Amino acid sequence: MTDQQHVDRQWLQAAIDLSHLCPAVKTAYAVGAIIVDRFGHEVSRGFSRETDSHVHAEESALAKLADTRVDLSGSTIYTSLEPCSVRKSRPRPCAELIIAAGITRVVLALREPPLFVTCHGVELLQTAGAEVIEIPEIADQVRAINAHLPGIGG
């Protein structure tokens, strides 16, 4: 394993651990997200339903940076679940928010299962030029955290 792969696993594990803070609901996934700048420093983190019942993890982490001048070019977002490409509760999905923020790397454990929508977040991010890295070896942790939802748990 390369140094970068080791670092990616550590940050992704931290994002998965963060998802344990999400209130469990039958209508949404529990997700954690951490943004790390190009120098390897954490600049923000968020989890699903952190600030309201509809906020997504990536959205929460990005919102905390809205009034700052943090340069996200070259940064990475670590998210336990694929960023959404379709949003029922907000006008812009998380994949679009990530692209607009200038984040160029996305590391995730699990692609979004088609329980609520058909997600194409990975494809949307890649089309925009972002590097997307999947680490499926730890996806079972994300499934376990979301075991309250049909077809994903365990």
Protein backbone atom coordinates (compact mmCIF):
# COMPACT_ATOMS: atom_id res chain seq x y z
CA MET A 1 0.00 0.00 0.00
CA THR A 2 1.35 3.42 -0.95
CA ASP A 3 1.56 6.29 1.52
CA GLN A 4 -1.32 8.04 -0.27
CA GLN A 5 -3.50 4.92 -0.10
CA HIS A 6 -2.78 4.67 3.63
CA VAL A 7 -3.68 8.35 4.14
CA ASP A 8 -6.86 7.94 2.06
CA ARG A 9 -7.94 4.96 4.18
CA GLN A 10 -7.33 6.86 7.42
CA TRP A 11 -9.37 9.89 6.35
CA LEU A 12 -12.13 7.72 4.89
CA GLN A 13 -12.30 5.73 8.11
CA ALA A 14 -12.67 9.01 10.02
CA ALA A 15 -15.56 9.98 7.71
CA ILE A 16 -17.22 6.61 8.28
CA ASP A 17 -16.76 7.03 12.04
CA LEU A 18 -18.36 10.48 11.78
CA SER A 19 -21.44 8.97 10.14
CA HIS A 20 -22.27 7.28 13.45
CA LEU A 21 -23.41 10.73 14.66
CA CYS A 22 -26.23 10.83 12.09
CA PRO A 23 -29.74 10.44 13.45
CA ALA A 24 -31.10 7.26 11.86
CA VAL A 25 -34.17 7.77 9.67
CA LYS A 26 -36.01 5.50 7.25
CA THR A 27 -35.82 8.05 4.43
CA ALA A 28 -32.09 8.77 4.13
CA TYR A 29 -28.60 7.36 4.50
CA ALA A 30 -26.23 8.09 7.37
CA VAL A 31 -23.11 9.63 5.81
CA GLY A 32 -19.98 11.35 7.08
CA ALA A 33 -17.71 13.65 5.05
CA ILE A 34 -14.37 15.34 5.70
CA ILE A 35 -12.66 17.91 3.49
CA VAL A 36 -8.85 17.91 3.48
CA ASP A 37 -6.88 20.65 1.71
CA ARG A 38 -4.07 20.01 -0.77
CA PHE A 39 -1.56 20.14 2.11
CA GLY A 40 -3.27 17.32 3.99
CA HIS A 41 -4.98 19.43 6.65
CA GLU A 42 -8.62 19.02 7.59
CA VAL A 43 -10.62 22.14 6.79
CA SER A 44 -14.18 20.95 7.48
CA ARG A 45 -16.38 18.00 8.32
CA GLY A 46 -20.07 17.23 8.33
CA PHE A 47 -22.61 14.47 8.66
CA SER A 48 -26.12 13.81 7.44
CA ARG A 49 -28.84 15.70 9.30
CA GLU A 50 -26.23 17.63 11.30
CA THR A 51 -27.96 21.00 11.02
CA ASP A 52 -31.42 20.10 9.70
CA SER A 53 -33.39 17.04 8.70
CA HIS A 54 -32.47 17.38 5.01
CA VAL A 55 -28.79 18.33 5.07
CA HIS A 56 -26.35 15.88 3.50
CA ALA A 57 -22.86 15.27 4.88
CA GLU A 58 -20.97 16.87 1.99
CA GLU A 59 -23.36 19.81 1.94
CA SER A 60 -22.87 20.32 5.69
CA ALA A 61 -19.07 20.28 5.42
CA LEU A 62 -19.11 22.73 2.50
CA ALA A 63 -21.61 25.06 4.19
CA LYS A 64 -19.20 25.55 7.10
CA LEU A 65 -16.73 27.05 4.63
CA ALA A 66 -19.19 29.38 2.91
CA ASP A 67 -18.08 32.53 4.73
CA THR A 68 -14.38 31.73 4.65
CA ARG A 69 -11.71 32.22 2.05
CA VAL A 70 -10.46 28.64 2.17
CA ASP A 71 -9.04 27.64 -1.21
CA LEU A 72 -10.39 24.18 -2.02
CA SER A 73 -8.48 23.75 -5.26
CA GLY A 74 -6.53 20.53 -5.07
CA SER A 75 -8.46 19.39 -2.01
CA THR A 76 -10.05 16.02 -1.30
CA ILE A 77 -13.42 15.17 0.16
CA TYR A 78 -13.68 11.86 1.95
CA THR A 79 -17.26 10.63 2.08
CA SER A 80 -18.60 7.33 3.28
CA LEU A 81 -21.21 7.20 0.49
CA GLU A 82 -21.18 8.39 -3.12
CA PRO A 83 -22.14 12.07 -3.37
CA CYS A 84 -25.70 12.42 -4.64
CA SER A 85 -26.45 13.41 -8.22
CA VAL A 86 -30.20 13.74 -7.68
CA ARG A 87 -31.72 15.72 -4.84
CA LYS A 88 -35.34 15.70 -3.74
CA SER A 89 -35.00 18.17 -0.86
CA ARG A 90 -32.59 20.79 -2.24
CA PRO A 91 -32.00 22.44 -5.64
CA ARG A 92 -28.38 21.26 -6.05
CA PRO A 93 -27.05 17.75 -5.44
CA CYS A 94 -23.83 17.21 -3.52
CA ALA A 95 -21.81 16.20 -6.59
CA GLU A 96 -22.57 19.60 -8.14
CA LEU A 97 -21.68 21.40 -4.88
CA ILE A 98 -18.34 19.57 -4.77
CA ILE A 99 -17.55 20.51 -8.37
CA ALA A 100 -18.54 24.15 -7.80
CA ALA A 101 -16.30 24.30 -4.71
CA GLY A 102 -13.25 23.30 -6.78
CA ILE A 103 -12.61 20.00 -4.99
CA THR A 104 -10.63 17.78 -7.34
CA ARG A 105 -10.48 14.45 -5.48
CA VAL A 106 -13.29 12.39 -4.00
CA VAL A 107 -12.64 9.26 -1.95
CA LEU A 108 -15.60 7.05 -1.04
CA ALA A 109 -16.34 3.62 0.36
CA LEU A 110 -19.67 2.75 -1.22
CA ARG A 111 -21.66 3.82 -4.27
CA GLU A 112 -25.19 4.84 -3.39
CA PRO A 113 -27.57 1.88 -3.66
CA PRO A 114 -30.71 2.60 -5.75
CA LEU A 115 -33.05 2.64 -2.75
CA PHE A 116 -34.26 6.25 -3.07
CA VAL A 117 -32.87 7.43 -6.42
CA THR A 118 -30.56 6.23 -9.17
CA CYS A 119 -27.30 8.00 -8.36
CA HIS A 120 -24.64 8.92 -10.90
CA GLY A 121 -22.47 11.02 -8.60
CA VAL A 122 -19.22 9.27 -9.52
CA GLU A 123 -19.85 9.77 -13.23
CA LEU A 124 -20.84 13.42 -12.75
CA LEU A 125 -17.66 14.10 -10.76
CA GLN A 126 -15.44 12.29 -13.26
CA THR A 127 -17.01 14.13 -16.20
CA ALA A 128 -16.14 17.39 -14.43
CA GLY A 129 -12.50 16.25 -14.14
CA ALA A 130 -12.42 15.11 -10.52
CA GLU A 131 -10.42 12.05 -9.56
CA VAL A 132 -12.72 9.55 -7.84
CA ILE A 133 -11.26 6.77 -5.72
CA GLU A 134 -13.39 3.97 -4.34
CA ILE A 135 -12.22 1.89 -1.40
CA PRO A 136 -14.82 -0.91 -1.39
CA GLU A 137 -12.89 -3.02 1.14
CA ILE A 138 -14.42 -0.94 3.94
CA ALA A 139 -17.89 -0.53 2.40
CA ASP A 140 -19.34 -3.13 4.79
CA GLN A 141 -18.96 -0.58 7.60
CA VAL A 142 -21.15 1.86 5.65
CA ARG A 143 -23.71 -0.88 5.04
CA ALA A 144 -23.75 -1.73 8.76
CA ILE A 145 -24.28 1.91 9.77
CA ASN A 146 -27.22 2.00 7.36
CA ALA A 147 -28.62 -1.40 8.36
CA HIS A 148 -31.92 0.29 9.29
CA LEU A 149 -32.62 0.75 5.57
CA PRO A 150 -33.97 -2.11 3.44
CA GLY A 151 -31.55 -3.65 0.98
CA ILE A 152 -28.35 -2.05 2.28
CA GLY A 153 -27.74 -3.18 5.84
CA GLY A 154 -25.53 -5.84 7.24
